[in-house]
Protein backbone atom coordinates (compact mmCIF):
# COMPACT_ATOMS: atom_id res chain seq x y z
CA MET A 1 9.24 -28.28 13.46
CA TYR A 2 6.32 -27.12 11.33
CA LYS A 3 2.77 -28.37 11.72
CA SER A 4 -0.36 -27.98 9.65
CA THR A 5 -3.08 -25.58 10.76
CA ARG A 6 -5.48 -28.51 10.27
CA GLY A 7 -3.49 -31.00 12.31
CA GLN A 8 -2.09 -33.78 10.12
CA ASP A 9 1.43 -33.00 8.90
CA CYS A 10 4.48 -32.27 11.03
CA LEU A 11 7.69 -31.62 9.09
CA GLY A 12 11.10 -29.99 9.32
CA GLY A 13 11.47 -26.49 7.90
CA LEU A 14 12.99 -27.34 4.52
CA GLU A 15 10.56 -30.23 4.06
CA ALA A 16 7.61 -27.91 4.76
CA ILE A 17 8.97 -25.38 2.25
CA MET A 18 9.42 -28.05 -0.41
CA GLN A 19 5.91 -29.46 0.14
CA GLY A 20 4.40 -25.96 0.10
CA ILE A 21 0.98 -26.89 1.48
CA ALA A 22 0.06 -29.63 3.95
CA ARG A 23 -1.57 -32.80 2.69
CA ASP A 24 -4.73 -32.02 4.68
CA GLY A 25 -5.05 -28.69 2.86
CA GLY A 26 -3.76 -26.68 5.80
CA LEU A 27 -0.84 -24.25 5.95
CA PHE A 28 2.41 -24.90 7.76
CA VAL A 29 3.15 -22.88 10.90
CA PRO A 30 6.23 -22.95 13.17
CA SER A 31 5.80 -24.75 16.48
CA SER A 32 7.25 -21.73 18.35
CA PHE A 33 8.39 -18.14 17.82
CA PRO A 34 12.12 -17.53 18.41
CA GLN A 35 12.73 -14.37 20.41
CA LEU A 36 14.90 -11.53 19.05
CA SER A 37 15.53 -9.01 21.83
CA LEU A 38 16.24 -5.33 21.33
CA GLU A 39 19.61 -5.87 22.98
CA GLN A 40 20.48 -8.34 20.22
CA LEU A 41 19.02 -6.03 17.59
CA GLU A 42 21.24 -3.15 18.68
CA LEU A 43 24.35 -5.31 18.27
CA PHE A 44 23.82 -5.79 14.53
CA PRO A 45 26.03 -3.31 12.59
CA ARG A 46 23.89 -0.62 10.99
CA GLU A 47 25.54 -0.86 7.55
CA GLU A 48 24.86 -4.61 7.45
CA SER A 49 21.66 -4.65 9.50
CA TYR A 50 19.40 -6.18 6.85
CA LYS A 51 21.75 -9.07 6.04
CA SER A 52 22.54 -9.70 9.71
CA ILE A 53 18.91 -9.70 10.82
CA ALA A 54 17.79 -11.82 7.86
CA THR A 55 20.50 -14.38 8.60
CA TRP A 56 19.55 -14.54 12.29
CA ILE A 57 15.83 -15.01 11.52
CA ILE A 58 16.34 -17.65 8.83
CA LYS A 59 18.74 -19.60 11.05
CA ALA A 60 16.27 -19.46 13.94
CA TYR A 61 13.49 -20.92 11.79
CA LEU A 62 15.67 -23.35 9.79
CA PRO A 63 18.06 -24.72 12.43
CA GLU A 64 18.86 -27.73 10.24
CA VAL A 65 20.71 -25.45 7.77
CA SER A 66 24.27 -24.38 8.57
CA LEU A 67 24.96 -20.73 9.29
CA GLN A 68 27.40 -20.62 6.38
CA ARG A 69 24.78 -21.81 3.87
CA ILE A 70 22.28 -19.25 5.13
CA GLU A 71 24.84 -16.44 4.94
CA GLU A 72 25.63 -17.46 1.36
CA ALA A 73 21.94 -17.49 0.42
CA VAL A 74 21.30 -14.07 1.96
CA LYS A 75 24.36 -12.64 0.22
CA LYS A 76 23.24 -13.93 -3.20
CA ALA A 77 19.66 -12.76 -2.68
CA THR A 78 20.53 -9.24 -1.55
CA ALA A 79 23.00 -8.84 -4.44
CA LEU A 80 19.95 -8.55 -6.71
CA PHE A 81 18.85 -5.29 -5.04
CA VAL A 82 19.88 -1.87 -6.31
CA ASN A 83 19.76 -0.21 -2.87
CA PRO A 84 22.36 -1.56 -0.41
CA ALA A 85 19.96 -0.96 2.49
CA ILE A 86 17.51 -3.38 0.76
CA THR A 87 14.48 -1.87 2.60
CA PRO A 88 15.41 1.72 3.52
CA ILE A 89 13.34 4.04 5.70
CA ARG A 90 12.37 7.30 4.01
CA GLU A 91 10.80 10.28 5.77
CA VAL A 92 8.61 12.45 3.55
CA ASP A 93 6.70 15.30 5.14
CA ASP A 94 4.57 13.70 7.88
CA THR A 95 4.99 10.11 6.73
CA ILE A 96 7.61 7.40 7.31
CA PHE A 97 7.83 4.96 4.40
CA LEU A 98 9.59 1.61 4.47
CA GLU A 99 10.52 1.29 0.80
CA CYS A 100 10.48 -2.38 -0.20
CA PHE A 101 10.73 -2.06 -3.98
CA TYR A 102 14.44 -2.10 -4.84
CA GLY A 103 14.58 -5.69 -6.05
CA PRO A 104 14.68 -6.93 -9.65
CA THR A 105 10.91 -6.60 -10.26
CA LYS A 106 10.41 -3.43 -8.17
CA ALA A 107 8.02 -4.96 -5.63
CA PHE A 108 8.27 -6.20 -2.04
CA LYS A 109 7.74 -9.78 -3.22
CA ASP A 110 11.39 -9.75 -4.36
CA ILE A 111 12.49 -9.76 -0.73
CA ALA A 112 11.19 -13.27 -0.09
CA LEU A 113 11.38 -14.61 -3.62
CA SER A 114 15.06 -13.81 -4.04
CA LEU A 115 15.72 -16.12 -1.07
CA LEU A 116 13.12 -18.84 -1.63
CA PRO A 117 14.99 -20.48 -4.56
CA HIS A 118 17.98 -21.03 -2.30
CA PHE A 119 15.71 -22.72 0.27
CA TYR A 120 14.48 -24.99 -2.53
CA LYS A 121 18.03 -25.83 -3.53
CA LEU A 122 18.82 -26.80 0.06
CA GLY A 123 15.56 -28.73 0.24
CA GLU A 124 16.38 -30.72 -2.87
CA GLU A 125 19.61 -31.85 -1.21
CA ILE A 126 17.62 -33.20 1.75
CA THR A 127 14.58 -34.67 -0.01
CA HIS A 128 16.38 -35.75 -3.20
CA GLU A 129 13.43 -34.62 -5.30
CA LYS A 130 12.71 -31.81 -7.73
CA ARG A 131 9.35 -30.13 -7.97
CA ILE A 132 7.54 -27.80 -10.34
CA VAL A 133 6.75 -24.44 -8.76
CA LEU A 134 3.10 -23.49 -9.38
CA VAL A 135 1.99 -19.98 -8.49
CA ALA A 136 -1.20 -17.94 -8.59
CA THR A 137 -0.53 -14.22 -8.78
CA SER A 138 -2.52 -11.03 -8.51
CA GLY A 139 0.37 -9.15 -10.09
CA ASP A 140 3.76 -8.99 -8.39
CA THR A 141 4.27 -12.54 -7.09
CA GLY A 142 4.48 -13.98 -10.60
CA SER A 143 7.29 -11.82 -11.90
CA ALA A 144 9.18 -11.96 -8.58
CA THR A 145 8.95 -15.77 -8.62
CA LEU A 146 10.30 -15.93 -12.16
CA ALA A 147 13.09 -13.47 -11.38
CA GLY A 148 14.05 -15.34 -8.23
CA PHE A 149 13.99 -18.84 -9.70
CA SER A 150 15.88 -17.71 -12.79
CA GLN A 151 18.89 -17.90 -10.45
CA LEU A 152 18.52 -21.71 -10.69
CA PRO A 153 19.19 -22.91 -14.27
CA ASP A 154 17.05 -26.04 -13.96
CA ALA A 155 14.07 -24.51 -12.09
CA LYS A 156 10.61 -25.22 -13.51
CA VAL A 157 7.87 -22.65 -12.90
CA ILE A 158 4.23 -22.21 -13.97
CA ILE A 159 2.39 -18.95 -13.24
CA PHE A 160 -1.39 -18.43 -13.36
CA TYR A 161 -2.61 -14.83 -13.43
CA PRO A 162 -6.03 -13.24 -14.05
CA HIS A 163 -6.50 -12.12 -17.66
CA ARG A 164 -7.07 -8.33 -17.65
CA GLY A 165 -6.58 -8.36 -13.90
CA ILE A 166 -3.02 -7.03 -13.62
CA SER A 167 -1.18 -4.02 -15.01
CA PRO A 168 0.41 -4.19 -18.50
CA TYR A 169 3.83 -3.63 -16.89
CA GLN A 170 3.32 -6.57 -14.52
CA GLU A 171 2.22 -8.81 -17.37
CA HIS A 172 5.18 -7.75 -19.51
CA GLN A 173 7.58 -8.61 -16.69
CA MET A 174 6.19 -12.13 -16.43
CA LEU A 175 6.04 -12.84 -20.15
CA SER A 176 9.64 -11.70 -20.60
CA TYR A 177 10.73 -14.87 -18.74
CA GLU A 178 8.83 -17.25 -21.06
CA SER A 179 10.89 -20.37 -21.84
CA ASN A 180 10.61 -24.16 -21.95
CA ASN A 181 10.95 -24.23 -18.16
CA MET A 182 8.98 -21.09 -17.26
CA HIS A 183 5.39 -20.45 -18.34
CA SER A 184 2.98 -17.61 -17.54
CA ILE A 185 -0.66 -18.35 -18.39
CA ALA A 186 -3.52 -15.84 -18.27
CA ILE A 187 -6.67 -17.37 -16.79
CA GLU A 188 -10.20 -16.31 -17.69
CA GLY A 189 -11.24 -15.34 -14.18
CA ASN A 190 -10.00 -13.38 -11.16
CA PHE A 191 -7.18 -14.05 -8.70
CA ASP A 192 -9.40 -16.15 -6.46
CA ASP A 193 -10.12 -18.43 -9.43
CA CYS A 194 -6.37 -18.77 -10.05
CA GLN A 195 -5.72 -19.50 -6.38
CA ALA A 196 -8.50 -22.11 -6.18
CA LEU A 197 -7.10 -23.73 -9.31
CA VAL A 198 -3.64 -23.97 -7.79
CA LYS A 199 -5.02 -25.59 -4.62
CA LYS A 200 -6.99 -28.11 -6.70
CA LEU A 201 -3.93 -29.04 -8.77
CA PHE A 202 -1.87 -29.43 -5.61
CA ARG A 203 -4.19 -32.21 -4.50
CA GLU A 204 -3.81 -33.98 -7.85
CA TYR A 205 -0.08 -33.53 -8.57
CA PRO A 206 2.26 -34.38 -5.67
CA LEU A 207 5.30 -33.12 -7.62
CA LEU A 208 4.06 -29.52 -7.36
CA THR A 209 5.13 -26.91 -4.82
CA SER A 210 4.23 -23.28 -4.29
CA ALA A 211 5.96 -19.93 -4.14
CA ASN A 212 2.79 -18.15 -3.02
CA SER A 213 2.61 -16.88 0.54
CA ILE A 214 0.76 -20.07 1.50
CA ASN A 215 4.33 -21.44 1.54
CA ILE A 216 5.97 -20.77 4.90
CA GLY A 217 9.23 -20.10 3.06
CA ARG A 218 7.66 -16.93 1.67
CA LEU A 219 6.78 -15.54 5.08
CA LEU A 220 10.07 -16.11 6.91
CA PRO A 221 12.16 -13.54 4.95
CA GLN A 222 9.40 -10.93 5.24
CA ILE A 223 9.68 -10.89 9.03
CA THR A 224 13.09 -9.30 8.56
CA TYR A 225 12.05 -5.84 7.44
CA TYR A 226 9.83 -5.20 10.45
CA PHE A 227 12.87 -5.58 12.69
CA VAL A 228 15.04 -3.67 10.19
CA ALA A 229 12.59 -0.75 10.25
CA TYR A 230 12.55 -0.69 14.04
CA LYS A 231 16.34 -0.76 14.24
CA GLU A 232 16.66 2.02 11.67
CA LEU A 233 14.25 4.21 13.63
CA LEU A 234 16.30 3.52 16.76
CA ASP A 235 19.61 4.28 15.02
CA ARG A 236 18.23 7.56 13.69
CA LYS A 237 16.95 8.40 17.17
CA LEU A 238 13.43 8.79 15.82
CA ILE A 239 12.16 6.52 18.61
CA GLU A 240 13.32 5.51 22.06
CA LYS A 241 14.25 1.96 22.96
CA ASN A 242 11.14 -0.14 23.68
CA GLU A 243 8.89 2.54 22.21
CA LEU A 244 5.94 0.93 20.46
CA ILE A 245 5.24 1.71 16.80
CA ASN A 246 2.56 0.90 14.22
CA PHE A 247 2.81 -0.40 10.67
CA SER A 248 0.25 0.32 7.97
CA VAL A 249 0.33 -2.56 5.51
CA PRO A 250 -1.41 -2.82 2.12
CA THR A 251 -3.08 -6.19 2.36
CA GLY A 252 -4.57 -8.70 -0.06
CA ASN A 253 -3.68 -12.32 0.72
CA PHE A 254 -2.74 -11.38 4.31
CA GLY A 255 0.87 -12.56 3.98
CA ASN A 256 2.77 -9.28 4.34
CA ILE A 257 0.88 -8.19 7.43
CA LEU A 258 1.05 -11.68 8.92
CA ALA A 259 4.86 -11.42 8.80
CA GLY A 260 4.43 -8.32 10.98
CA TYR A 261 2.29 -10.31 13.41
CA ILE A 262 5.04 -12.95 13.61
CA ALA A 263 7.60 -10.18 14.24
CA LYS A 264 5.40 -8.97 17.10
CA ARG A 265 5.29 -12.48 18.55
CA MET A 266 9.10 -12.59 18.27
CA GLY A 267 9.52 -9.45 20.34
CA CYS A 268 9.37 -6.54 17.87
CA PRO A 269 7.72 -3.65 19.78
CA ILE A 270 4.64 -3.21 17.59
CA HIS A 271 1.60 -1.48 19.04
CA ARG A 272 -0.84 -2.16 16.19
CA LEU A 273 -0.88 -3.39 12.62
CA LEU A 274 -3.14 -1.44 10.28
CA CYS A 275 -4.72 -3.80 7.75
CA ALA A 276 -5.17 -1.60 4.66
CA SER A 277 -7.51 -2.96 1.98
CA ASN A 278 -8.78 -1.62 -1.31
CA GLN A 279 -12.36 -1.67 -2.58
CA ASN A 280 -12.37 -5.47 -2.21
CA HIS A 281 -12.51 -4.98 1.54
CA VAL A 282 -13.32 -8.47 2.76
CA LEU A 283 -10.61 -8.20 5.44
CA THR A 284 -11.87 -4.83 6.67
CA ASP A 285 -15.31 -6.32 7.23
CA PHE A 286 -13.81 -9.36 8.94
CA PHE A 287 -11.86 -7.38 11.52
CA GLN A 288 -14.74 -5.00 12.11
CA THR A 289 -17.50 -7.62 12.44
CA GLY A 290 -15.88 -11.00 13.08
CA THR A 291 -17.48 -12.46 9.95
CA TYR A 292 -15.48 -13.36 6.85
CA ASN A 293 -17.75 -13.36 3.78
CA ARG A 294 -16.43 -13.77 0.25
CA ASN A 295 -19.97 -13.65 -1.21
CA ARG A 296 -19.76 -10.13 -2.61
CA PRO A 297 -18.99 -8.22 -5.80
CA PHE A 298 -15.41 -8.48 -7.06
CA TYR A 299 -13.81 -5.18 -8.13
CA ILE A 300 -10.91 -4.71 -10.54
CA THR A 301 -9.14 -1.71 -9.02
CA ASN A 302 -6.08 0.46 -9.54
CA SER A 303 -4.28 -1.58 -6.83
CA PRO A 304 -4.57 -4.98 -8.55
CA SER A 305 -2.29 -6.96 -6.22
CA MET A 306 -4.99 -6.53 -3.56
CA ASP A 307 -7.92 -7.59 -5.75
CA ILE A 308 -8.59 -10.67 -3.64
CA LEU A 309 -11.64 -12.05 -1.82
CA VAL A 310 -10.07 -15.22 -0.37
CA SER A 311 -7.14 -14.22 1.86
CA SER A 312 -5.45 -17.57 2.40
CA ASN A 313 -2.98 -16.54 5.10
CA LEU A 314 -5.77 -15.57 7.44
CA GLU A 315 -5.97 -19.30 8.20
CA ARG A 316 -2.67 -19.06 10.06
CA LEU A 317 -4.00 -16.25 12.26
CA LEU A 318 -7.15 -18.27 12.96
CA PHE A 319 -4.91 -21.13 14.09
CA TRP A 320 -2.76 -19.00 16.40
CA ILE A 321 -5.78 -17.41 18.03
CA GLY A 322 -8.45 -20.12 17.92
CA GLY A 323 -6.58 -23.39 17.43
CA GLU A 324 -6.83 -26.32 15.05
CA GLN A 325 -10.52 -27.11 15.63
CA GLU A 326 -11.48 -23.49 14.99
CA VAL A 327 -9.58 -23.58 11.69
CA LYS A 328 -11.36 -26.76 10.63
CA ARG A 329 -14.75 -25.31 11.54
CA CYS A 330 -14.13 -22.01 9.73
CA MET A 331 -12.60 -23.56 6.61
CA LYS A 332 -15.46 -26.05 6.33
CA SER A 333 -17.97 -23.21 6.56
CA LEU A 334 -16.00 -21.14 4.02
CA GLU A 335 -15.99 -24.03 1.55
CA GLU A 336 -19.69 -24.82 2.00
CA THR A 337 -21.21 -21.35 2.38
CA GLY A 338 -18.50 -18.83 1.42
CA SER A 339 -18.37 -17.34 4.91
CA TYR A 340 -17.59 -17.99 8.58
CA THR A 341 -17.82 -16.15 11.89
CA ILE A 342 -15.19 -16.39 14.62
CA GLN A 343 -16.06 -17.32 18.21
CA GLU A 344 -17.25 -14.43 20.36
CA GLN A 345 -14.62 -15.13 23.03
CA ASP A 346 -11.82 -14.77 20.45
CA LYS A 347 -12.80 -11.36 19.10
CA ALA A 348 -10.67 -9.38 21.57
CA ALA A 349 -7.52 -11.15 20.33
CA TYR A 350 -8.08 -9.76 16.84
CA SER A 351 -8.22 -6.14 18.06
CA PHE A 352 -4.43 -5.91 17.64
CA PHE A 353 -5.33 -5.28 13.99
CA TYR A 354 -7.04 -2.09 12.88
CA ALA A 355 -8.75 -2.48 9.52
CA ALA A 356 -10.01 0.03 6.98
CA TYR A 357 -10.00 0.50 3.21
CA ALA A 358 -9.60 3.04 0.42
CA SER A 359 -11.85 3.15 -2.62
CA ILE A 360 -10.47 3.45 -6.15
CA GLU A 361 -11.16 7.20 -6.10
CA GLU A 362 -9.66 7.69 -2.64
CA THR A 363 -6.52 5.85 -3.71
CA THR A 364 -6.04 8.17 -6.69
CA GLU A 365 -6.79 11.26 -4.58
CA THR A 366 -4.23 10.17 -1.98
CA ILE A 367 -1.50 9.79 -4.62
CA GLU A 368 -2.35 13.16 -6.18
CA GLY A 369 -2.65 15.11 -2.93
CA PHE A 370 0.62 13.82 -1.50
CA TYR A 371 2.46 14.37 -4.80
CA LYS A 372 1.28 17.98 -5.06
CA ARG A 373 2.45 18.62 -1.50
CA THR A 374 5.77 16.75 -1.57
CA HIS A 375 6.60 15.61 -5.15
CA TYR A 376 6.86 12.06 -3.77
CA ILE A 377 5.11 9.49 -5.95
CA MET A 378 3.40 6.55 -4.27
CA ASP A 379 2.18 3.48 -6.10
CA PRO A 380 -1.54 2.73 -5.59
CA HIS A 381 -0.99 -0.03 -3.00
CA THR A 382 1.18 2.25 -0.87
CA ALA A 383 -1.45 4.98 -1.26
CA VAL A 384 -4.06 2.63 0.20
CA ALA A 385 -1.86 2.13 3.28
CA LYS A 386 -1.22 5.88 3.54
CA LYS A 387 -4.96 6.66 3.38
CA VAL A 388 -5.77 4.06 6.03
CA MET A 389 -3.00 5.42 8.28
CA ASP A 390 -4.38 8.96 7.95
CA ASP A 391 -7.90 7.76 8.74
CA TYR A 392 -6.63 5.75 11.71
CA LYS A 393 -4.89 8.76 13.23
CA LYS A 394 -7.98 10.94 12.82
CA GLU A 395 -10.24 8.28 14.30
CA THR A 396 -8.10 7.14 17.24
CA HIS A 397 -5.70 10.08 17.90
CA ASP A 398 -3.03 7.41 18.40
CA ALA A 399 0.31 9.22 18.80
CA HIS A 400 2.52 6.19 18.14
CA LYS A 401 4.79 6.60 15.14
CA THR A 402 3.46 4.69 12.14
CA VAL A 403 5.48 3.22 9.28
CA VAL A 404 3.81 2.79 5.90
CA ILE A 405 4.99 -0.33 4.10
CA SER A 406 5.65 0.84 0.53
CA THR A 407 5.24 -2.30 -1.51
CA ALA A 408 5.94 -1.38 -5.13
CA SER A 409 7.43 1.22 -7.42
CA TYR A 410 4.97 3.61 -9.03
CA GLU A 411 6.55 2.68 -12.40
CA LYS A 412 4.51 -0.52 -12.41
CA PHE A 413 1.19 1.36 -12.46
CA MET A 414 1.55 4.13 -14.98
CA ASP A 415 -2.10 4.03 -16.04
CA THR A 416 -2.87 5.49 -12.63
CA ILE A 417 0.24 7.64 -12.20
CA ARG A 418 0.59 9.35 -15.58
CA PRO A 419 -2.57 11.50 -15.32
CA ILE A 420 -1.24 12.76 -11.97
CA VAL A 421 2.40 13.25 -13.04
CA PRO A 422 2.15 14.04 -16.78
CA HIS A 423 5.81 15.02 -17.33
CA LEU A 424 7.02 11.42 -16.94
CA PRO A 425 8.57 9.92 -20.11
CA PRO A 426 6.29 7.68 -22.18
CA ASP A 427 6.29 3.91 -21.66
CA PRO A 428 6.46 1.27 -24.36
CA ASP A 429 3.05 -0.09 -25.33
CA TYR A 430 3.22 -3.04 -22.94
CA ALA A 431 -0.36 -4.09 -23.69
CA PHE A 432 0.47 -4.49 -27.39
CA ILE A 433 3.72 -6.32 -26.64
CA CYS A 434 1.94 -8.71 -24.27
CA LYS A 435 -0.79 -9.42 -26.80
CA GLU A 436 1.79 -11.08 -29.04
CA LYS A 437 3.08 -13.36 -26.26
CA ARG A 438 0.02 -13.98 -24.10
CA HIS A 439 -1.47 -17.44 -23.53
CA VAL A 440 -5.10 -17.29 -22.34
CA TRP A 441 -6.78 -20.42 -20.96
CA SER A 442 -10.23 -20.93 -19.53
CA LEU A 443 -10.51 -22.83 -16.24
CA ASP A 444 -11.65 -25.90 -18.16
CA GLU A 445 -8.70 -25.64 -20.56
CA VAL A 446 -6.27 -25.63 -17.64
CA LEU A 447 -7.72 -28.85 -16.28
CA LYS A 448 -7.54 -30.45 -19.73
CA GLN A 449 -4.07 -29.25 -20.74
CA PHE A 450 -2.18 -29.13 -17.45
CA ASP A 451 -1.19 -32.79 -17.51
CA SER A 452 0.47 -32.51 -20.92
CA LEU A 453 2.20 -29.28 -19.89
CA VAL A 454 3.67 -30.96 -16.80
CA LYS A 455 4.80 -34.01 -18.75
CA GLU A 456 6.49 -31.76 -21.30
CA MET A 457 8.36 -29.90 -18.54
CA ILE A 458 9.61 -32.97 -16.66
CA ARG A 459 10.62 -35.26 -19.50
């Protein structure tokens, strides 16, 4: 069963996925963490490890779905990836990368969003209702949602993204899916404005659901690659059985790294998770001080998918550490004052996370320095995680092997990459192409026009 972090709803897995967010405004969390032992992990065939592990995890969290249906969904989802390993490990110089960008939109969001549409299809069979998928994106979620749900001919999707707040490539990907059933709308504001708008509309339109990481269906598939990475390191004899490892995770809305925390709770031998933020380092300050404060300048950076000041998934961690009443207290304070401080007695439980950040300049320098040394090109988000890992090792002298989660292809961020790697072939003028297709709405326009847009889509 799945319950709300704020206490009201209690639903089955597919029902929670279909609803997206609890009626009390909370996020759905599983009532327990299934355990996946290393003995079980070793039994999965190496050449099929991703599919086997993904199937096991999804079945454990969605017991109401038959094994055959889950195997079919995993098979269809992974067929969209150009690398048969789905999330391969790559050793470059002194760094181990987990490359998660071989899906249709070249970002780690494809991993979950290639599977989520199949969960919705199964959910429709149980609930006998169809919903419109409404998403706020800071870059990659939007295009991955559209690519994933394009597998379902009758899917209806609306994307909100910050105008001038994502890369031209990301915007071009989203606008290329424009149709009567799929709309991408640029919002005058930042990602937090888009996310707040989505939450407001959820309260007003019960036929909506989400593909953002506030939806538990987004998190479940992401648990997979933490176990896959550990198994691959074991199979390559890069670690010993039961040896603890770290992951450095570029972090914005706290979903990717939270999947790692769930993997830890399920038995994956993780020593620490490194929470890597960019210049919008609200999470760094939270883990270092115990106070979450969104009242600060908002920076548009070269790692736009992390340009976030309200990290929604942190609510789930607050629930698992502090409980329902702590969530209610913190969320009430966040809504009224823009900040909250965790209880003193809970602070030790958060020390499993190490948090640091990379500035815009440090991100660029990290990409350039590593490229000159190795000819490996990181995207800016991966570079943030690499910089934080390097800083962590210098600060702590921790000898545990650390895996950097590489979340996107550098091709999506050529404005940053091209000055560093000038021999790359020229790109189309995505900004010009997008200008011809772009729909820009103010926040007020959304509230005025959304009703007619929904009615047009469902008639």
